[in-house]
Every structure is written in structure tokens, then in C-alpha cells.
Protein backbone atom coordinates (compact mmCIF):
# COMPACT_ATOMS: atom_id res chain seq x y z
CA MET A 1 128.13 19.17 -198.59
CA PRO A 2 126.72 21.53 -200.80
CA ARG A 3 128.42 21.56 -204.30
CA LYS A 4 130.02 25.14 -205.49
CA PHE A 5 129.62 25.69 -209.05
CA PHE A 6 131.63 28.54 -211.32
CA VAL A 7 130.90 30.16 -214.51
CA LEU A 8 134.28 30.42 -216.58
CA VAL A 9 133.70 33.66 -218.70
CA PRO A 10 136.07 34.28 -221.27
CA ALA A 11 139.00 37.25 -220.08
CA PRO A 12 138.14 40.08 -222.64
CA CYS A 13 134.40 40.17 -221.44
CA TRP A 14 134.99 39.63 -217.63
CA LEU A 15 137.35 42.23 -217.85
CA LEU A 16 134.84 44.40 -219.56
CA PHE A 17 132.78 44.39 -216.13
CA LEU A 18 135.00 44.33 -213.48
CA PRO A 19 136.31 48.29 -213.10
CA ALA A 20 132.80 49.09 -213.77
CA THR A 21 131.59 47.26 -211.05
CA ILE A 22 134.46 49.18 -208.96
CA ALA A 23 133.18 52.45 -209.85
CA LEU A 24 129.66 51.58 -209.12
CA THR A 25 130.77 50.64 -205.91
CA GLY A 26 133.11 53.40 -205.02
CA CYS A 27 136.31 52.18 -203.40
CA SER A 28 137.05 55.71 -202.17
CA SER A 29 136.35 59.21 -202.40
CA ALA A 30 139.51 59.29 -204.42
CA HIS A 31 138.78 57.33 -207.40
CA PRO A 32 136.40 59.02 -210.13
CA VAL A 33 132.96 57.42 -209.81
CA VAL A 34 131.29 56.51 -213.17
CA ASN A 35 127.67 57.60 -214.06
CA GLN A 36 125.29 54.44 -213.47
CA LYS A 37 123.38 55.01 -216.74
CA ASP A 38 126.45 55.54 -219.04
CA ALA A 39 127.92 52.58 -217.23
CA GLU A 40 125.28 50.45 -218.06
CA ASN A 41 124.82 51.39 -221.62
CA LEU A 42 128.76 50.96 -222.36
CA THR A 43 129.01 47.67 -219.98
CA ARG A 44 126.10 46.12 -222.17
CA ILE A 45 127.71 47.97 -225.85
CA GLY A 46 131.28 45.72 -224.12
CA ALA A 47 129.50 42.92 -224.12
CA ALA A 48 127.89 42.59 -227.10
CA TYR A 49 130.68 43.60 -229.23
CA ASP A 50 132.42 41.07 -227.27
CA ARG A 51 129.96 38.34 -228.16
CA ALA A 52 129.33 39.98 -231.66
CA THR A 53 132.87 39.13 -232.43
CA LYS A 54 132.80 35.47 -231.12
CA GLN A 55 129.91 34.78 -233.02
CA LEU A 56 130.56 36.77 -235.82
CA GLY A 57 134.23 35.69 -236.04
CA HIS A 58 135.28 39.34 -236.62
CA PRO A 59 134.57 42.48 -234.82
CA PRO A 60 131.36 44.28 -235.63
CA GLN A 61 131.98 46.74 -238.62
CA ASN A 62 129.12 48.52 -238.24
CA PRO A 63 125.83 49.14 -236.06
CA GLU A 64 123.41 46.54 -238.00
CA GLN A 65 125.85 43.82 -236.80
CA LEU A 66 126.16 44.99 -233.25
CA LYS A 67 122.27 45.49 -232.86
CA PRO A 68 121.24 41.85 -232.66
CA PHE A 69 123.21 41.31 -229.58
CA LEU A 70 122.07 44.76 -228.21
CA LYS A 71 118.54 43.66 -227.92
CA GLU A 72 118.93 41.16 -225.54
CA TYR A 73 119.51 44.35 -222.95
CA GLY A 74 117.18 46.41 -224.16
CA ASP A 75 116.21 49.08 -226.93
CA PRO A 76 119.41 48.87 -228.89
CA GLU A 77 118.93 52.82 -230.07
CA THR A 78 118.41 53.75 -226.29
CA ILE A 79 121.36 51.68 -225.52
CA LEU A 80 123.71 53.02 -228.00
CA ARG A 81 122.91 57.12 -227.18
CA SER A 82 124.53 58.35 -224.20
CA PRO A 83 122.12 59.43 -221.27
CA GLN A 84 124.95 62.22 -220.18
CA ASP A 85 124.81 64.10 -223.50
CA ARG A 86 122.16 62.61 -225.04
CA LEU A 87 124.51 61.89 -228.61
CA PRO A 88 125.11 58.62 -229.90
CA TYR A 89 128.57 57.06 -228.41
CA VAL A 90 131.14 56.90 -230.99
CA ILE A 91 131.84 53.24 -231.32
CA LEU A 92 135.50 52.39 -233.14
CA TRP A 93 134.35 49.68 -235.24
CA GLY A 94 136.62 46.63 -236.31
CA ARG A 95 138.52 46.46 -232.67
CA ASN A 96 139.44 42.93 -231.90
CA ILE A 97 139.48 43.02 -228.30
CA ARG A 98 139.91 39.47 -228.05
CA ASN A 99 143.30 39.89 -228.89
CA THR A 100 144.21 42.52 -226.87
CA ALA A 101 147.12 42.16 -224.18
CA ILE A 102 146.12 42.57 -220.33
CA GLN A 103 149.24 44.47 -220.57
CA THR A 104 148.80 46.96 -223.49
CA MET A 105 148.35 50.36 -221.88
CA PRO A 106 146.93 52.41 -222.51
CA PRO A 107 144.00 49.98 -223.59
CA PRO A 108 142.45 50.50 -226.36
CA ILE A 109 139.30 52.40 -226.79
CA ILE A 110 136.25 50.73 -228.16
CA ALA A 111 133.37 53.13 -227.69
CA TYR A 112 133.28 56.79 -226.09
CA GLU A 113 130.79 59.65 -225.22
CA GLN A 114 130.83 62.49 -228.47
CA GLN A 115 130.66 65.49 -225.75
CA GLY A 116 130.07 64.17 -222.29
CA ALA A 117 129.37 66.55 -219.67
CA ASN A 118 131.23 69.05 -217.01
CA GLY A 119 134.51 68.49 -218.68
CA LYS A 120 134.44 64.95 -218.89
CA ARG A 121 133.26 61.86 -221.23
CA TYR A 122 133.03 58.14 -220.20
CA VAL A 123 135.37 55.62 -222.64
CA LEU A 124 135.11 52.30 -222.77
CA THR A 125 138.35 50.37 -223.14
CA ALA A 126 139.31 46.65 -223.39
CA MET A 127 139.75 46.73 -219.80
CA GLY A 128 136.57 49.08 -218.65
CA ILE A 129 134.90 52.34 -218.21
CA MET A 130 136.73 54.99 -217.18
CA PRO A 131 136.14 58.96 -217.03
CA MET A 132 138.52 60.87 -219.13
CA THR A 133 138.52 64.89 -219.03
CA ASP A 134 138.52 67.01 -222.14
CA GLU A 135 142.39 67.43 -221.50
CA GLU A 136 142.89 63.48 -220.98
CA PHE A 137 140.47 62.42 -224.31
CA GLN A 138 142.79 65.22 -226.31
CA LYS A 139 145.85 63.06 -225.68
CA VAL A 140 144.04 60.20 -227.16
CA ASP A 141 145.25 58.28 -230.24
CA LEU A 142 142.17 56.81 -231.63
CA SER A 143 144.11 55.28 -234.59
CA LYS A 144 145.33 52.97 -232.28
CA LYS A 145 143.92 49.39 -232.84
CA SER A 146 143.97 46.63 -230.67
């Protein structure tokens, strides 16, 4: 009988992938669909941010601390730029997503598109990627740290 092997991934890391996976597969037409390239970039930023936090012993404080962790996914400069609005993502440095309680609502924001397109932008939270309208985004408290 073949044995099954499972890889345990720390909760903050797998939480970043779950919403992106759900959004990309499109559970139903009632749920917003995330642009695939934005989802890839933001997922990579989230994973690199989490790994940097773990390896540095603190959240990255600037792009120079994050870029080495992005290199395994490709060109950091390309990953750090939104394909939708062609502007660099805004990253809120120093947020420790590893200490975020699962129940924290709304989940703390890690990165977001500066402008987005068609009245919405993609936002990376501690729980995954979500599209937000300009109106929803204006209500977000970006000073709230995890």
C-alpha cells in the first residue's frame, strides 16, 4: 500500500494562497474574480514577505530586505509592479503577519495597487488577495498594524 506524505506549511503562509486559489478557480459568478497576473504577483509578495519575516526575525522594513526573497519567483522589479495599473505596489513595511490572529477583521493589509483599474484595486491582506472598489478602499484604515 503506497504511503501518503503531507507537507505542513505555517498557517500565515498557506492563508495567503487559499483565497487566491479560490478566486482564480472562480467558485461562482457571485464572487469577484481576481486578475491572474495580479494574483500571482501579490501571492509571491505575500510568500516572500512571510519568509523574510521568518528568516530575518522581523518583518521586512524596506524593498531591499524583501527583494532577495522575491528572486526565487523571478525578477523582483517585475513582481513589485502591478500589471493592471503599471505602478509599483504599495507595501506597508513592518507588519508582522505571523502574529495576526485569524479572527482579526478586517484582516491587516500588507500591499495594494496604487490605482487599480475600472474602479477597483487588488489588495493583499494577511488572509489573501481581495479586490476592493475605490469606495471600499477609502474606508480602510491603513494605519492599523497587525
